[in-house]
All heavy atoms as atom14 arrays in JSON, in Angstrom:
{
  "sequence": "SRLIKGMIDLFTVLLSTRFRMRPAHLFAYIGLPIAGSGFAALTYLSVL",
  "atom14_mask": [
    [1, 1, 1, 1, 1, 1, 0, 0, 0, 0, 0, 0, 0, 0],
    [1, 1, 1, 1, 1, 1, 1, 1, 1, 1, 1, 0, 0, 0],
    [1, 1, 1, 1, 1, 1, 1, 1, 0, 0, 0, 0, 0, 0],
    [1, 1, 1, 1, 1, 1, 1, 1, 0, 0, 0, 0, 0, 0],
    [1, 1, 1, 1, 1, 1, 1, 1, 1, 0, 0, 0, 0, 0],
    [1, 1, 1, 1, 0, 0, 0, 0, 0, 0, 0, 0, 0, 0],
    [1, 1, 1, 1, 1, 1, 1, 1, 0, 0, 0, 0, 0, 0],
    [1, 1, 1, 1, 1, 1, 1, 1, 0, 0, 0, 0, 0, 0],
    [1, 1, 1, 1, 1, 1, 1, 1, 0, 0, 0, 0, 0, 0],
    [1, 1, 1, 1, 1, 1, 1, 1, 0, 0, 0, 0, 0, 0],
    [1, 1, 1, 1, 1, 1, 1, 1, 1, 1, 1, 0, 0, 0],
    [1, 1, 1, 1, 1, 1, 1, 0, 0, 0, 0, 0, 0, 0],
    [1, 1, 1, 1, 1, 1, 1, 0, 0, 0, 0, 0, 0, 0],
    [1, 1, 1, 1, 1, 1, 1, 1, 0, 0, 0, 0, 0, 0],
    [1, 1, 1, 1, 1, 1, 1, 1, 0, 0, 0, 0, 0, 0],
    [1, 1, 1, 1, 1, 1, 0, 0, 0, 0, 0, 0, 0, 0],
    [1, 1, 1, 1, 1, 1, 1, 0, 0, 0, 0, 0, 0, 0],
    [1, 1, 1, 1, 1, 1, 1, 1, 1, 1, 1, 0, 0, 0],
    [1, 1, 1, 1, 1, 1, 1, 1, 1, 1, 1, 0, 0, 0],
    [1, 1, 1, 1, 1, 1, 1, 1, 1, 1, 1, 0, 0, 0],
    [1, 1, 1, 1, 1, 1, 1, 1, 0, 0, 0, 0, 0, 0],
    [1, 1, 1, 1, 1, 1, 1, 1, 1, 1, 1, 0, 0, 0],
    [1, 1, 1, 1, 1, 1, 1, 0, 0, 0, 0, 0, 0, 0],
    [1, 1, 1, 1, 1, 0, 0, 0, 0, 0, 0, 0, 0, 0],
    [1, 1, 1, 1, 1, 1, 1, 1, 1, 1, 0, 0, 0, 0],
    [1, 1, 1, 1, 1, 1, 1, 1, 0, 0, 0, 0, 0, 0],
    [1, 1, 1, 1, 1, 1, 1, 1, 1, 1, 1, 0, 0, 0],
    [1, 1, 1, 1, 1, 0, 0, 0, 0, 0, 0, 0, 0, 0],
    [1, 1, 1, 1, 1, 1, 1, 1, 1, 1, 1, 1, 0, 0],
    [1, 1, 1, 1, 1, 1, 1, 1, 0, 0, 0, 0, 0, 0],
    [1, 1, 1, 1, 0, 0, 0, 0, 0, 0, 0, 0, 0, 0],
    [1, 1, 1, 1, 1, 1, 1, 1, 0, 0, 0, 0, 0, 0],
    [1, 1, 1, 1, 1, 1, 1, 0, 0, 0, 0, 0, 0, 0],
    [1, 1, 1, 1, 1, 1, 1, 1, 0, 0, 0, 0, 0, 0],
    [1, 1, 1, 1, 1, 0, 0, 0, 0, 0, 0, 0, 0, 0],
    [1, 1, 1, 1, 0, 0, 0, 0, 0, 0, 0, 0, 0, 0],
    [1, 1, 1, 1, 1, 1, 0, 0, 0, 0, 0, 0, 0, 0],
    [1, 1, 1, 1, 0, 0, 0, 0, 0, 0, 0, 0, 0, 0],
    [1, 1, 1, 1, 1, 1, 1, 1, 1, 1, 1, 0, 0, 0],
    [1, 1, 1, 1, 1, 0, 0, 0, 0, 0, 0, 0, 0, 0],
    [1, 1, 1, 1, 1, 0, 0, 0, 0, 0, 0, 0, 0, 0],
    [1, 1, 1, 1, 1, 1, 1, 1, 0, 0, 0, 0, 0, 0],
    [1, 1, 1, 1, 1, 1, 1, 0, 0, 0, 0, 0, 0, 0],
    [1, 1, 1, 1, 1, 1, 1, 1, 1, 1, 1, 1, 0, 0],
    [1, 1, 1, 1, 1, 1, 1, 1, 0, 0, 0, 0, 0, 0],
    [1, 1, 1, 1, 1, 1, 0, 0, 0, 0, 0, 0, 0, 0],
    [1, 1, 1, 1, 1, 1, 1, 0, 0, 0, 0, 0, 0, 0],
    [1, 1, 1, 1, 1, 1, 1, 1, 0, 0, 0, 0, 0, 0]
  ],
  "atom14_positions": [
    [[-65.4, 143.4, -25.39], [-64.63, 142.83, -26.53], [-65.48, 143.02, -27.76], [-65.01, 143.4, -28.89], [-64.34, 141.42, -26.4], [-65.54, 140.5, -26.29], [0.0, 0.0, 0.0], [0.0, 0.0, 0.0], [0.0, 0.0, 0.0], [0.0, 0.0, 0.0], [0.0, 0.0, 0.0], [0.0, 0.0, 0.0], [0.0, 0.0, 0.0], [0.0, 0.0, 0.0]],
    [[-66.82, 142.89, -27.71], [-67.73, 143.13, -28.82], [-67.68, 144.67, -29.23], [-67.9, 145.01, -30.38], [-69.08, 142.66, -28.61], [-69.24, 141.27, -28.53], [-68.84, 140.51, -29.83], [-68.96, 139.14, -29.78], [-70.02, 138.51, -30.17], [-71.06, 139.07, -30.52], [-70.12, 137.06, -30.1], [0.0, 0.0, 0.0], [0.0, 0.0, 0.0], [0.0, 0.0, 0.0]],
    [[-67.6, 145.57, -28.3], [-67.41, 146.92, -28.54], [-66.21, 147.3, -29.49], [-66.22, 148.04, -30.35], [-67.37, 147.74, -27.24], [-67.07, 149.32, -27.38], [-68.39, 149.93, -28.04], [-66.93, 149.92, -26.01], [0.0, 0.0, 0.0], [0.0, 0.0, 0.0], [0.0, 0.0, 0.0], [0.0, 0.0, 0.0], [0.0, 0.0, 0.0], [0.0, 0.0, 0.0]],
    [[-65.08, 146.72, -29.13], [-63.82, 146.92, -29.97], [-64.1, 146.39, -31.29], [-63.71, 147.04, -32.34], [-62.68, 146.14, -29.21], [-62.45, 146.77, -27.84], [-61.42, 146.27, -30.12], [-61.3, 145.91, -27.16], [0.0, 0.0, 0.0], [0.0, 0.0, 0.0], [0.0, 0.0, 0.0], [0.0, 0.0, 0.0], [0.0, 0.0, 0.0], [0.0, 0.0, 0.0]],
    [[-64.7, 145.23, -31.45], [-65.0, 144.7, -32.83], [-66.03, 145.61, -33.54], [-65.78, 145.87, -34.83], [-65.58, 143.28, -32.75], [-64.7, 142.23, -32.16], [-65.38, 140.9, -32.06], [-64.48, 139.88, -31.47], [-65.06, 138.56, -31.34], [0.0, 0.0, 0.0], [0.0, 0.0, 0.0], [0.0, 0.0, 0.0], [0.0, 0.0, 0.0], [0.0, 0.0, 0.0]],
    [[-66.89, 146.15, -32.8], [-67.89, 146.98, -33.47], [-67.41, 148.23, -33.88], [-67.64, 148.78, -35.01], [0.0, 0.0, 0.0], [0.0, 0.0, 0.0], [0.0, 0.0, 0.0], [0.0, 0.0, 0.0], [0.0, 0.0, 0.0], [0.0, 0.0, 0.0], [0.0, 0.0, 0.0], [0.0, 0.0, 0.0], [0.0, 0.0, 0.0], [0.0, 0.0, 0.0]],
    [[-66.38, 148.85, -33.08], [-65.66, 150.03, -33.48], [-64.9, 149.83, -34.87], [-64.72, 150.63, -35.7], [-64.83, 150.62, -32.45], [-65.63, 151.14, -31.29], [-66.88, 152.4, -31.8], [-67.68, 152.9, -30.23], [0.0, 0.0, 0.0], [0.0, 0.0, 0.0], [0.0, 0.0, 0.0], [0.0, 0.0, 0.0], [0.0, 0.0, 0.0], [0.0, 0.0, 0.0]],
    [[-64.27, 148.62, -34.89], [-63.42, 148.3, -36.13], [-64.36, 148.2, -37.34], [-64.11, 148.75, -38.31], [-62.68, 147.05, -35.85], [-61.66, 147.12, -34.76], [-62.14, 146.63, -37.21], [-60.86, 145.93, -34.38], [0.0, 0.0, 0.0], [0.0, 0.0, 0.0], [0.0, 0.0, 0.0], [0.0, 0.0, 0.0], [0.0, 0.0, 0.0], [0.0, 0.0, 0.0]],
    [[-65.47, 147.51, -37.11], [-66.4, 147.46, -38.21], [-67.16, 148.78, -38.53], [-67.6, 148.98, -39.63], [-67.63, 146.39, -37.87], [-67.1, 144.98, -38.12], [-66.35, 144.74, -39.1], [-67.37, 144.21, -37.16], [0.0, 0.0, 0.0], [0.0, 0.0, 0.0], [0.0, 0.0, 0.0], [0.0, 0.0, 0.0], [0.0, 0.0, 0.0], [0.0, 0.0, 0.0]],
    [[-67.13, 149.7, -37.61], [-67.62, 151.03, -37.87], [-66.87, 151.59, -39.11], [-67.44, 152.42, -40.0], [-67.57, 151.92, -36.74], [-67.85, 153.39, -36.78], [-69.3, 153.54, -37.3], [-67.71, 154.14, -35.55], [0.0, 0.0, 0.0], [0.0, 0.0, 0.0], [0.0, 0.0, 0.0], [0.0, 0.0, 0.0], [0.0, 0.0, 0.0], [0.0, 0.0, 0.0]],
    [[-65.51, 151.39, -39.21], [-64.79, 152.0, -40.25], [-65.17, 151.25, -41.59], [-65.3, 151.9, -42.58], [-63.25, 151.65, -40.1], [-62.32, 152.37, -40.77], [-62.09, 153.66, -40.46], [-61.6, 151.8, -41.85], [-61.2, 154.49, -41.26], [-60.66, 152.67, -42.56], [-60.62, 153.91, -42.28], [0.0, 0.0, 0.0], [0.0, 0.0, 0.0], [0.0, 0.0, 0.0]],
    [[-65.54, 149.93, -41.5], [-65.93, 149.36, -42.7], [-67.26, 149.85, -43.17], [-67.41, 149.99, -44.36], [-66.31, 147.77, -42.4], [-64.95, 147.26, -41.97], [-66.71, 147.02, -43.58], [0.0, 0.0, 0.0], [0.0, 0.0, 0.0], [0.0, 0.0, 0.0], [0.0, 0.0, 0.0], [0.0, 0.0, 0.0], [0.0, 0.0, 0.0], [0.0, 0.0, 0.0]],
    [[-68.14, 150.31, -42.2], [-69.54, 150.85, -42.58], [-69.34, 152.12, -43.3], [-69.99, 152.51, -44.17], [-70.42, 150.81, -41.34], [-71.62, 151.52, -41.73], [-70.71, 149.45, -40.91], [0.0, 0.0, 0.0], [0.0, 0.0, 0.0], [0.0, 0.0, 0.0], [0.0, 0.0, 0.0], [0.0, 0.0, 0.0], [0.0, 0.0, 0.0], [0.0, 0.0, 0.0]],
    [[-68.35, 152.92, -42.67], [-68.14, 154.22, -43.36], [-67.56, 154.04, -44.65], [-68.12, 154.82, -45.67], [-67.11, 154.9, -42.49], [-67.56, 155.66, -41.32], [-66.36, 156.22, -40.48], [-68.51, 156.88, -41.63], [0.0, 0.0, 0.0], [0.0, 0.0, 0.0], [0.0, 0.0, 0.0], [0.0, 0.0, 0.0], [0.0, 0.0, 0.0], [0.0, 0.0, 0.0]],
    [[-66.75, 153.08, -44.93], [-66.41, 152.9, -46.31], [-67.44, 152.4, -47.31], [-67.39, 152.8, -48.38], [-65.31, 151.85, -46.34], [-63.78, 152.43, -45.85], [-62.85, 151.19, -45.72], [-63.3, 153.29, -46.97], [0.0, 0.0, 0.0], [0.0, 0.0, 0.0], [0.0, 0.0, 0.0], [0.0, 0.0, 0.0], [0.0, 0.0, 0.0], [0.0, 0.0, 0.0]],
    [[-68.34, 151.58, -46.76], [-69.42, 151.0, -47.54], [-70.57, 151.85, -47.67], [-71.55, 151.61, -48.42], [-69.86, 149.66, -47.06], [-70.46, 149.71, -45.74], [0.0, 0.0, 0.0], [0.0, 0.0, 0.0], [0.0, 0.0, 0.0], [0.0, 0.0, 0.0], [0.0, 0.0, 0.0], [0.0, 0.0, 0.0], [0.0, 0.0, 0.0], [0.0, 0.0, 0.0]],
    [[-70.8, 152.95, -46.95], [-71.82, 153.97, -47.04], [-71.38, 155.3, -47.53], [-71.41, 155.59, -48.69], [-72.52, 153.99, -45.66], [-71.76, 154.41, -44.76], [-73.19, 152.62, -45.38], [0.0, 0.0, 0.0], [0.0, 0.0, 0.0], [0.0, 0.0, 0.0], [0.0, 0.0, 0.0], [0.0, 0.0, 0.0], [0.0, 0.0, 0.0], [0.0, 0.0, 0.0]],
    [[-71.03, 156.23, -46.62], [-70.73, 157.53, -46.88], [-69.5, 157.63, -47.97], [-69.53, 158.51, -48.83], [-70.5, 158.3, -45.68], [-70.14, 159.82, -45.86], [-69.93, 160.45, -44.68], [-70.92, 160.13, -43.56], [-70.86, 160.62, -42.31], [-69.74, 161.2, -41.91], [-71.86, 160.32, -41.34], [0.0, 0.0, 0.0], [0.0, 0.0, 0.0], [0.0, 0.0, 0.0]],
    [[-68.6, 156.8, -47.8], [-67.33, 156.97, -48.68], [-67.36, 155.59, -49.64], [-66.19, 155.29, -50.11], [-66.18, 156.83, -47.86], [-66.06, 158.04, -47.05], [-66.5, 158.13, -45.63], [-65.63, 159.42, -47.51], [-66.47, 159.25, -44.91], [-65.52, 160.44, -46.68], [-65.96, 160.39, -45.36], [0.0, 0.0, 0.0], [0.0, 0.0, 0.0], [0.0, 0.0, 0.0]],
    [[-68.48, 155.04, -50.01], [-68.44, 153.86, -50.8], [-67.86, 154.14, -52.21], [-67.1, 153.25, -52.59], [-69.86, 153.35, -50.93], [-69.97, 152.0, -51.77], [-71.39, 151.57, -51.92], [-72.32, 152.58, -52.3], [-73.66, 152.36, -52.54], [-74.19, 151.18, -52.4], [-74.44, 153.48, -52.99], [0.0, 0.0, 0.0], [0.0, 0.0, 0.0], [0.0, 0.0, 0.0]],
    [[-68.18, 155.18, -52.69], [-67.71, 155.51, -54.1], [-66.56, 156.33, -54.05], [-65.96, 156.83, -55.09], [-68.91, 156.08, -54.88], [-70.05, 155.33, -55.1], [-69.89, 153.67, -55.68], [-69.23, 154.08, -57.19], [0.0, 0.0, 0.0], [0.0, 0.0, 0.0], [0.0, 0.0, 0.0], [0.0, 0.0, 0.0], [0.0, 0.0, 0.0], [0.0, 0.0, 0.0]],
    [[-66.05, 156.78, -52.92], [-64.69, 157.47, -52.83], [-64.05, 157.21, -51.53], [-63.78, 158.01, -50.65], [-65.25, 159.05, -52.87], [-66.38, 159.43, -51.92], [-66.84, 160.79, -52.14], [-67.92, 161.08, -51.09], [-67.85, 161.69, -49.96], [-66.59, 162.07, -49.57], [-68.79, 161.96, -49.2], [0.0, 0.0, 0.0], [0.0, 0.0, 0.0], [0.0, 0.0, 0.0]],
    [[-63.56, 156.03, -51.45], [-62.91, 155.59, -50.22], [-61.64, 156.37, -49.96], [-61.16, 156.5, -48.81], [-62.64, 154.14, -50.39], [-62.62, 153.79, -51.89], [-63.68, 154.93, -52.47], [0.0, 0.0, 0.0], [0.0, 0.0, 0.0], [0.0, 0.0, 0.0], [0.0, 0.0, 0.0], [0.0, 0.0, 0.0], [0.0, 0.0, 0.0], [0.0, 0.0, 0.0]],
    [[-60.89, 156.77, -51.07], [-59.63, 157.6, -50.98], [-59.96, 158.85, -50.08], [-58.94, 159.38, -49.35], [-59.25, 157.97, -52.27], [0.0, 0.0, 0.0], [0.0, 0.0, 0.0], [0.0, 0.0, 0.0], [0.0, 0.0, 0.0], [0.0, 0.0, 0.0], [0.0, 0.0, 0.0], [0.0, 0.0, 0.0], [0.0, 0.0, 0.0], [0.0, 0.0, 0.0]],
    [[-61.2, 159.49, -50.03], [-61.52, 160.57, -49.38], [-61.34, 160.43, -47.78], [-60.69, 161.1, -47.09], [-62.85, 161.13, -49.68], [-62.87, 161.81, -51.02], [-63.92, 162.74, -51.43], [-62.15, 161.58, -52.12], [-63.7, 163.07, -52.66], [-62.73, 162.39, -53.22], [0.0, 0.0, 0.0], [0.0, 0.0, 0.0], [0.0, 0.0, 0.0], [0.0, 0.0, 0.0]],
    [[-61.76, 159.23, -47.34], [-61.89, 158.87, -45.98], [-60.38, 158.8, -45.48], [-60.01, 159.33, -44.57], [-62.56, 157.56, -45.78], [-62.5, 157.13, -44.39], [-63.04, 158.14, -43.35], [-63.43, 155.84, -44.17], [0.0, 0.0, 0.0], [0.0, 0.0, 0.0], [0.0, 0.0, 0.0], [0.0, 0.0, 0.0], [0.0, 0.0, 0.0], [0.0, 0.0, 0.0]],
    [[-59.62, 158.06, -46.22], [-58.27, 157.91, -45.88], [-57.38, 159.17, -45.95], [-56.56, 159.48, -45.16], [-57.57, 156.83, -46.82], [-57.94, 155.48, -46.39], [-58.92, 154.76, -47.22], [-57.38, 154.69, -45.34], [-59.41, 153.44, -46.83], [-57.83, 153.32, -45.14], [-58.87, 152.79, -45.81], [0.0, 0.0, 0.0], [0.0, 0.0, 0.0], [0.0, 0.0, 0.0]],
    [[-57.79, 160.04, -47.02], [-57.2, 161.33, -47.11], [-57.52, 162.22, -45.93], [-56.54, 162.96, -45.38], [-57.6, 161.98, -48.42], [0.0, 0.0, 0.0], [0.0, 0.0, 0.0], [0.0, 0.0, 0.0], [0.0, 0.0, 0.0], [0.0, 0.0, 0.0], [0.0, 0.0, 0.0], [0.0, 0.0, 0.0], [0.0, 0.0, 0.0], [0.0, 0.0, 0.0]],
    [[-58.73, 162.17, -45.43], [-59.06, 162.97, -44.34], [-58.2, 162.65, -43.13], [-57.94, 163.54, -42.2], [-60.61, 162.77, -43.95], [-61.54, 163.44, -44.9], [-62.71, 162.87, -45.09], [-61.14, 164.45, -45.63], [-63.77, 163.42, -45.98], [-62.13, 164.99, -46.61], [-63.34, 164.51, -46.85], [-64.33, 165.06, -47.61], [0.0, 0.0, 0.0], [0.0, 0.0, 0.0]],
    [[-57.88, 161.44, -42.98], [-57.0, 160.97, -41.88], [-55.49, 161.2, -42.13], [-54.87, 161.72, -41.33], [-57.23, 159.54, -41.45], [-58.71, 159.16, -41.22], [-56.22, 159.03, -40.31], [-59.08, 157.8, -40.95], [0.0, 0.0, 0.0], [0.0, 0.0, 0.0], [0.0, 0.0, 0.0], [0.0, 0.0, 0.0], [0.0, 0.0, 0.0], [0.0, 0.0, 0.0]],
    [[-55.07, 160.79, -43.36], [-53.61, 160.79, -43.7], [-53.15, 162.2, -43.94], [-51.93, 162.61, -43.54], [0.0, 0.0, 0.0], [0.0, 0.0, 0.0], [0.0, 0.0, 0.0], [0.0, 0.0, 0.0], [0.0, 0.0, 0.0], [0.0, 0.0, 0.0], [0.0, 0.0, 0.0], [0.0, 0.0, 0.0], [0.0, 0.0, 0.0], [0.0, 0.0, 0.0]],
    [[-53.79, 163.08, -44.63], [-53.23, 164.28, -45.11], [-52.92, 165.27, -43.98], [-51.83, 165.98, -43.94], [-54.21, 164.93, -46.05], [-54.31, 164.43, -47.49], [-55.25, 165.26, -48.36], [-52.89, 164.42, -48.06], [0.0, 0.0, 0.0], [0.0, 0.0, 0.0], [0.0, 0.0, 0.0], [0.0, 0.0, 0.0], [0.0, 0.0, 0.0], [0.0, 0.0, 0.0]],
    [[-53.78, 165.36, -42.91], [-53.43, 166.29, -41.81], [-52.21, 165.77, -40.95], [-51.31, 166.48, -40.55], [-54.69, 166.19, -40.84], [-55.85, 165.9, -41.81], [-55.24, 164.94, -42.77], [0.0, 0.0, 0.0], [0.0, 0.0, 0.0], [0.0, 0.0, 0.0], [0.0, 0.0, 0.0], [0.0, 0.0, 0.0], [0.0, 0.0, 0.0], [0.0, 0.0, 0.0]],
    [[-52.16, 164.42, -40.97], [-51.01, 163.84, -40.25], [-49.65, 164.12, -40.97], [-48.6, 164.51, -40.54], [-51.2, 162.29, -39.98], [-52.29, 162.05, -39.01], [-49.93, 161.71, -39.4], [-52.67, 160.61, -38.83], [0.0, 0.0, 0.0], [0.0, 0.0, 0.0], [0.0, 0.0, 0.0], [0.0, 0.0, 0.0], [0.0, 0.0, 0.0], [0.0, 0.0, 0.0]],
    [[-49.71, 163.71, -42.41], [-48.56, 164.09, -43.28], [-48.28, 165.56, -43.24], [-47.05, 165.98, -43.25], [-48.86, 163.44, -44.51], [0.0, 0.0, 0.0], [0.0, 0.0, 0.0], [0.0, 0.0, 0.0], [0.0, 0.0, 0.0], [0.0, 0.0, 0.0], [0.0, 0.0, 0.0], [0.0, 0.0, 0.0], [0.0, 0.0, 0.0], [0.0, 0.0, 0.0]],
    [[-49.2, 166.4, -43.16], [-49.01, 167.76, -43.26], [-48.34, 168.33, -41.97], [-47.42, 169.25, -42.14], [0.0, 0.0, 0.0], [0.0, 0.0, 0.0], [0.0, 0.0, 0.0], [0.0, 0.0, 0.0], [0.0, 0.0, 0.0], [0.0, 0.0, 0.0], [0.0, 0.0, 0.0], [0.0, 0.0, 0.0], [0.0, 0.0, 0.0], [0.0, 0.0, 0.0]],
    [[-48.7, 167.7, -40.82], [-48.07, 168.08, -39.69], [-46.59, 167.66, -39.68], [-45.7, 168.21, -39.09], [-48.69, 167.55, -38.47], [-48.82, 166.2, -38.5], [0.0, 0.0, 0.0], [0.0, 0.0, 0.0], [0.0, 0.0, 0.0], [0.0, 0.0, 0.0], [0.0, 0.0, 0.0], [0.0, 0.0, 0.0], [0.0, 0.0, 0.0], [0.0, 0.0, 0.0]],
    [[-46.29, 166.46, -40.24], [-44.89, 165.99, -40.38], [-44.11, 166.78, -41.35], [-42.99, 167.17, -40.89], [0.0, 0.0, 0.0], [0.0, 0.0, 0.0], [0.0, 0.0, 0.0], [0.0, 0.0, 0.0], [0.0, 0.0, 0.0], [0.0, 0.0, 0.0], [0.0, 0.0, 0.0], [0.0, 0.0, 0.0], [0.0, 0.0, 0.0], [0.0, 0.0, 0.0]],
    [[-44.62, 167.25, -42.47], [-43.92, 168.17, -43.25], [-43.64, 169.49, -42.59], [-42.49, 170.13, -42.86], [-44.79, 168.33, -44.55], [-44.54, 167.24, -45.64], [-45.58, 166.58, -45.98], [-43.3, 166.99, -46.13], [-45.42, 165.51, -46.98], [-43.21, 165.96, -47.11], [-44.19, 165.32, -47.55], [0.0, 0.0, 0.0], [0.0, 0.0, 0.0], [0.0, 0.0, 0.0]],
    [[-44.58, 170.02, -41.91], [-44.41, 171.33, -41.18], [-43.33, 171.08, -40.22], [-42.44, 172.01, -40.05], [-45.68, 171.67, -40.46], [0.0, 0.0, 0.0], [0.0, 0.0, 0.0], [0.0, 0.0, 0.0], [0.0, 0.0, 0.0], [0.0, 0.0, 0.0], [0.0, 0.0, 0.0], [0.0, 0.0, 0.0], [0.0, 0.0, 0.0], [0.0, 0.0, 0.0]],
    [[-43.16, 169.95, -39.39], [-42.07, 169.73, -38.4], [-40.83, 169.7, -39.14], [-39.82, 170.29, -38.78], [-42.38, 168.43, -37.69], [0.0, 0.0, 0.0], [0.0, 0.0, 0.0], [0.0, 0.0, 0.0], [0.0, 0.0, 0.0], [0.0, 0.0, 0.0], [0.0, 0.0, 0.0], [0.0, 0.0, 0.0], [0.0, 0.0, 0.0], [0.0, 0.0, 0.0]],
    [[-40.75, 168.93, -40.36], [-39.4, 168.85, -40.93], [-39.0, 170.1, -41.56], [-37.85, 170.54, -41.73], [-39.58, 167.75, -41.98], [-39.77, 166.31, -41.59], [-39.97, 165.26, -42.75], [-38.77, 165.91, -40.59], [0.0, 0.0, 0.0], [0.0, 0.0, 0.0], [0.0, 0.0, 0.0], [0.0, 0.0, 0.0], [0.0, 0.0, 0.0], [0.0, 0.0, 0.0]],
    [[-39.97, 170.95, -42.09], [-39.64, 172.26, -42.67], [-38.95, 173.3, -41.54], [-38.07, 173.95, -41.81], [-40.97, 172.91, -43.22], [-41.44, 172.12, -44.32], [-40.58, 174.3, -43.77], [0.0, 0.0, 0.0], [0.0, 0.0, 0.0], [0.0, 0.0, 0.0], [0.0, 0.0, 0.0], [0.0, 0.0, 0.0], [0.0, 0.0, 0.0], [0.0, 0.0, 0.0]],
    [[-39.63, 173.12, -40.31], [-39.28, 173.79, -39.17], [-37.82, 173.6, -38.82], [-36.8, 174.42, -38.69], [-40.06, 173.76, -37.92], [-39.56, 174.29, -36.7], [-39.55, 175.68, -36.47], [-39.08, 173.36, -35.65], [-39.09, 176.07, -35.26], [-38.7, 173.83, -34.56], [-38.51, 175.18, -34.29], [-38.11, 175.65, -33.05], [0.0, 0.0, 0.0], [0.0, 0.0, 0.0]],
    [[-37.36, 172.22, -38.8], [-36.25, 171.77, -38.47], [-35.1, 172.25, -39.52], [-33.98, 172.44, -39.3], [-36.11, 170.27, -38.15], [-36.88, 169.77, -36.98], [-36.93, 168.21, -36.94], [-36.24, 170.31, -35.72], [0.0, 0.0, 0.0], [0.0, 0.0, 0.0], [0.0, 0.0, 0.0], [0.0, 0.0, 0.0], [0.0, 0.0, 0.0], [0.0, 0.0, 0.0]],
    [[-35.56, 172.18, -40.88], [-34.73, 172.57, -41.98], [-34.38, 173.94, -41.88], [-33.09, 174.31, -42.23], [-35.43, 172.24, -43.33], [-35.76, 170.79, -43.42], [0.0, 0.0, 0.0], [0.0, 0.0, 0.0], [0.0, 0.0, 0.0], [0.0, 0.0, 0.0], [0.0, 0.0, 0.0], [0.0, 0.0, 0.0], [0.0, 0.0, 0.0], [0.0, 0.0, 0.0]],
    [[-35.19, 174.85, -41.48], [-34.94, 176.14, -41.43], [-33.85, 176.45, -40.35], [-33.07, 177.16, -40.32], [-36.25, 177.04, -41.16], [-35.91, 178.47, -40.79], [-37.27, 176.98, -42.28], [0.0, 0.0, 0.0], [0.0, 0.0, 0.0], [0.0, 0.0, 0.0], [0.0, 0.0, 0.0], [0.0, 0.0, 0.0], [0.0, 0.0, 0.0], [0.0, 0.0, 0.0]],
    [[-34.03, 175.75, -39.27], [-33.14, 175.86, -37.93], [-31.73, 175.51, -38.51], [-30.77, 176.13, -38.09], [-33.6, 174.99, -36.91], [-34.89, 175.38, -36.09], [-35.15, 174.37, -34.94], [-34.69, 176.76, -35.6], [0.0, 0.0, 0.0], [0.0, 0.0, 0.0], [0.0, 0.0, 0.0], [0.0, 0.0, 0.0], [0.0, 0.0, 0.0], [0.0, 0.0, 0.0]]
  ]
}
């Protein structure tokens, strides 16, 4: 159970260290590829 809590806090530490002054970058690294794959799928279906 502490491992799960620690992994959640790992995200907090990333935000407060490497991405402290640019938190949008961390979320963008996760969100943009996912959104991009969604747009690609919808584009493919639109062409069909």
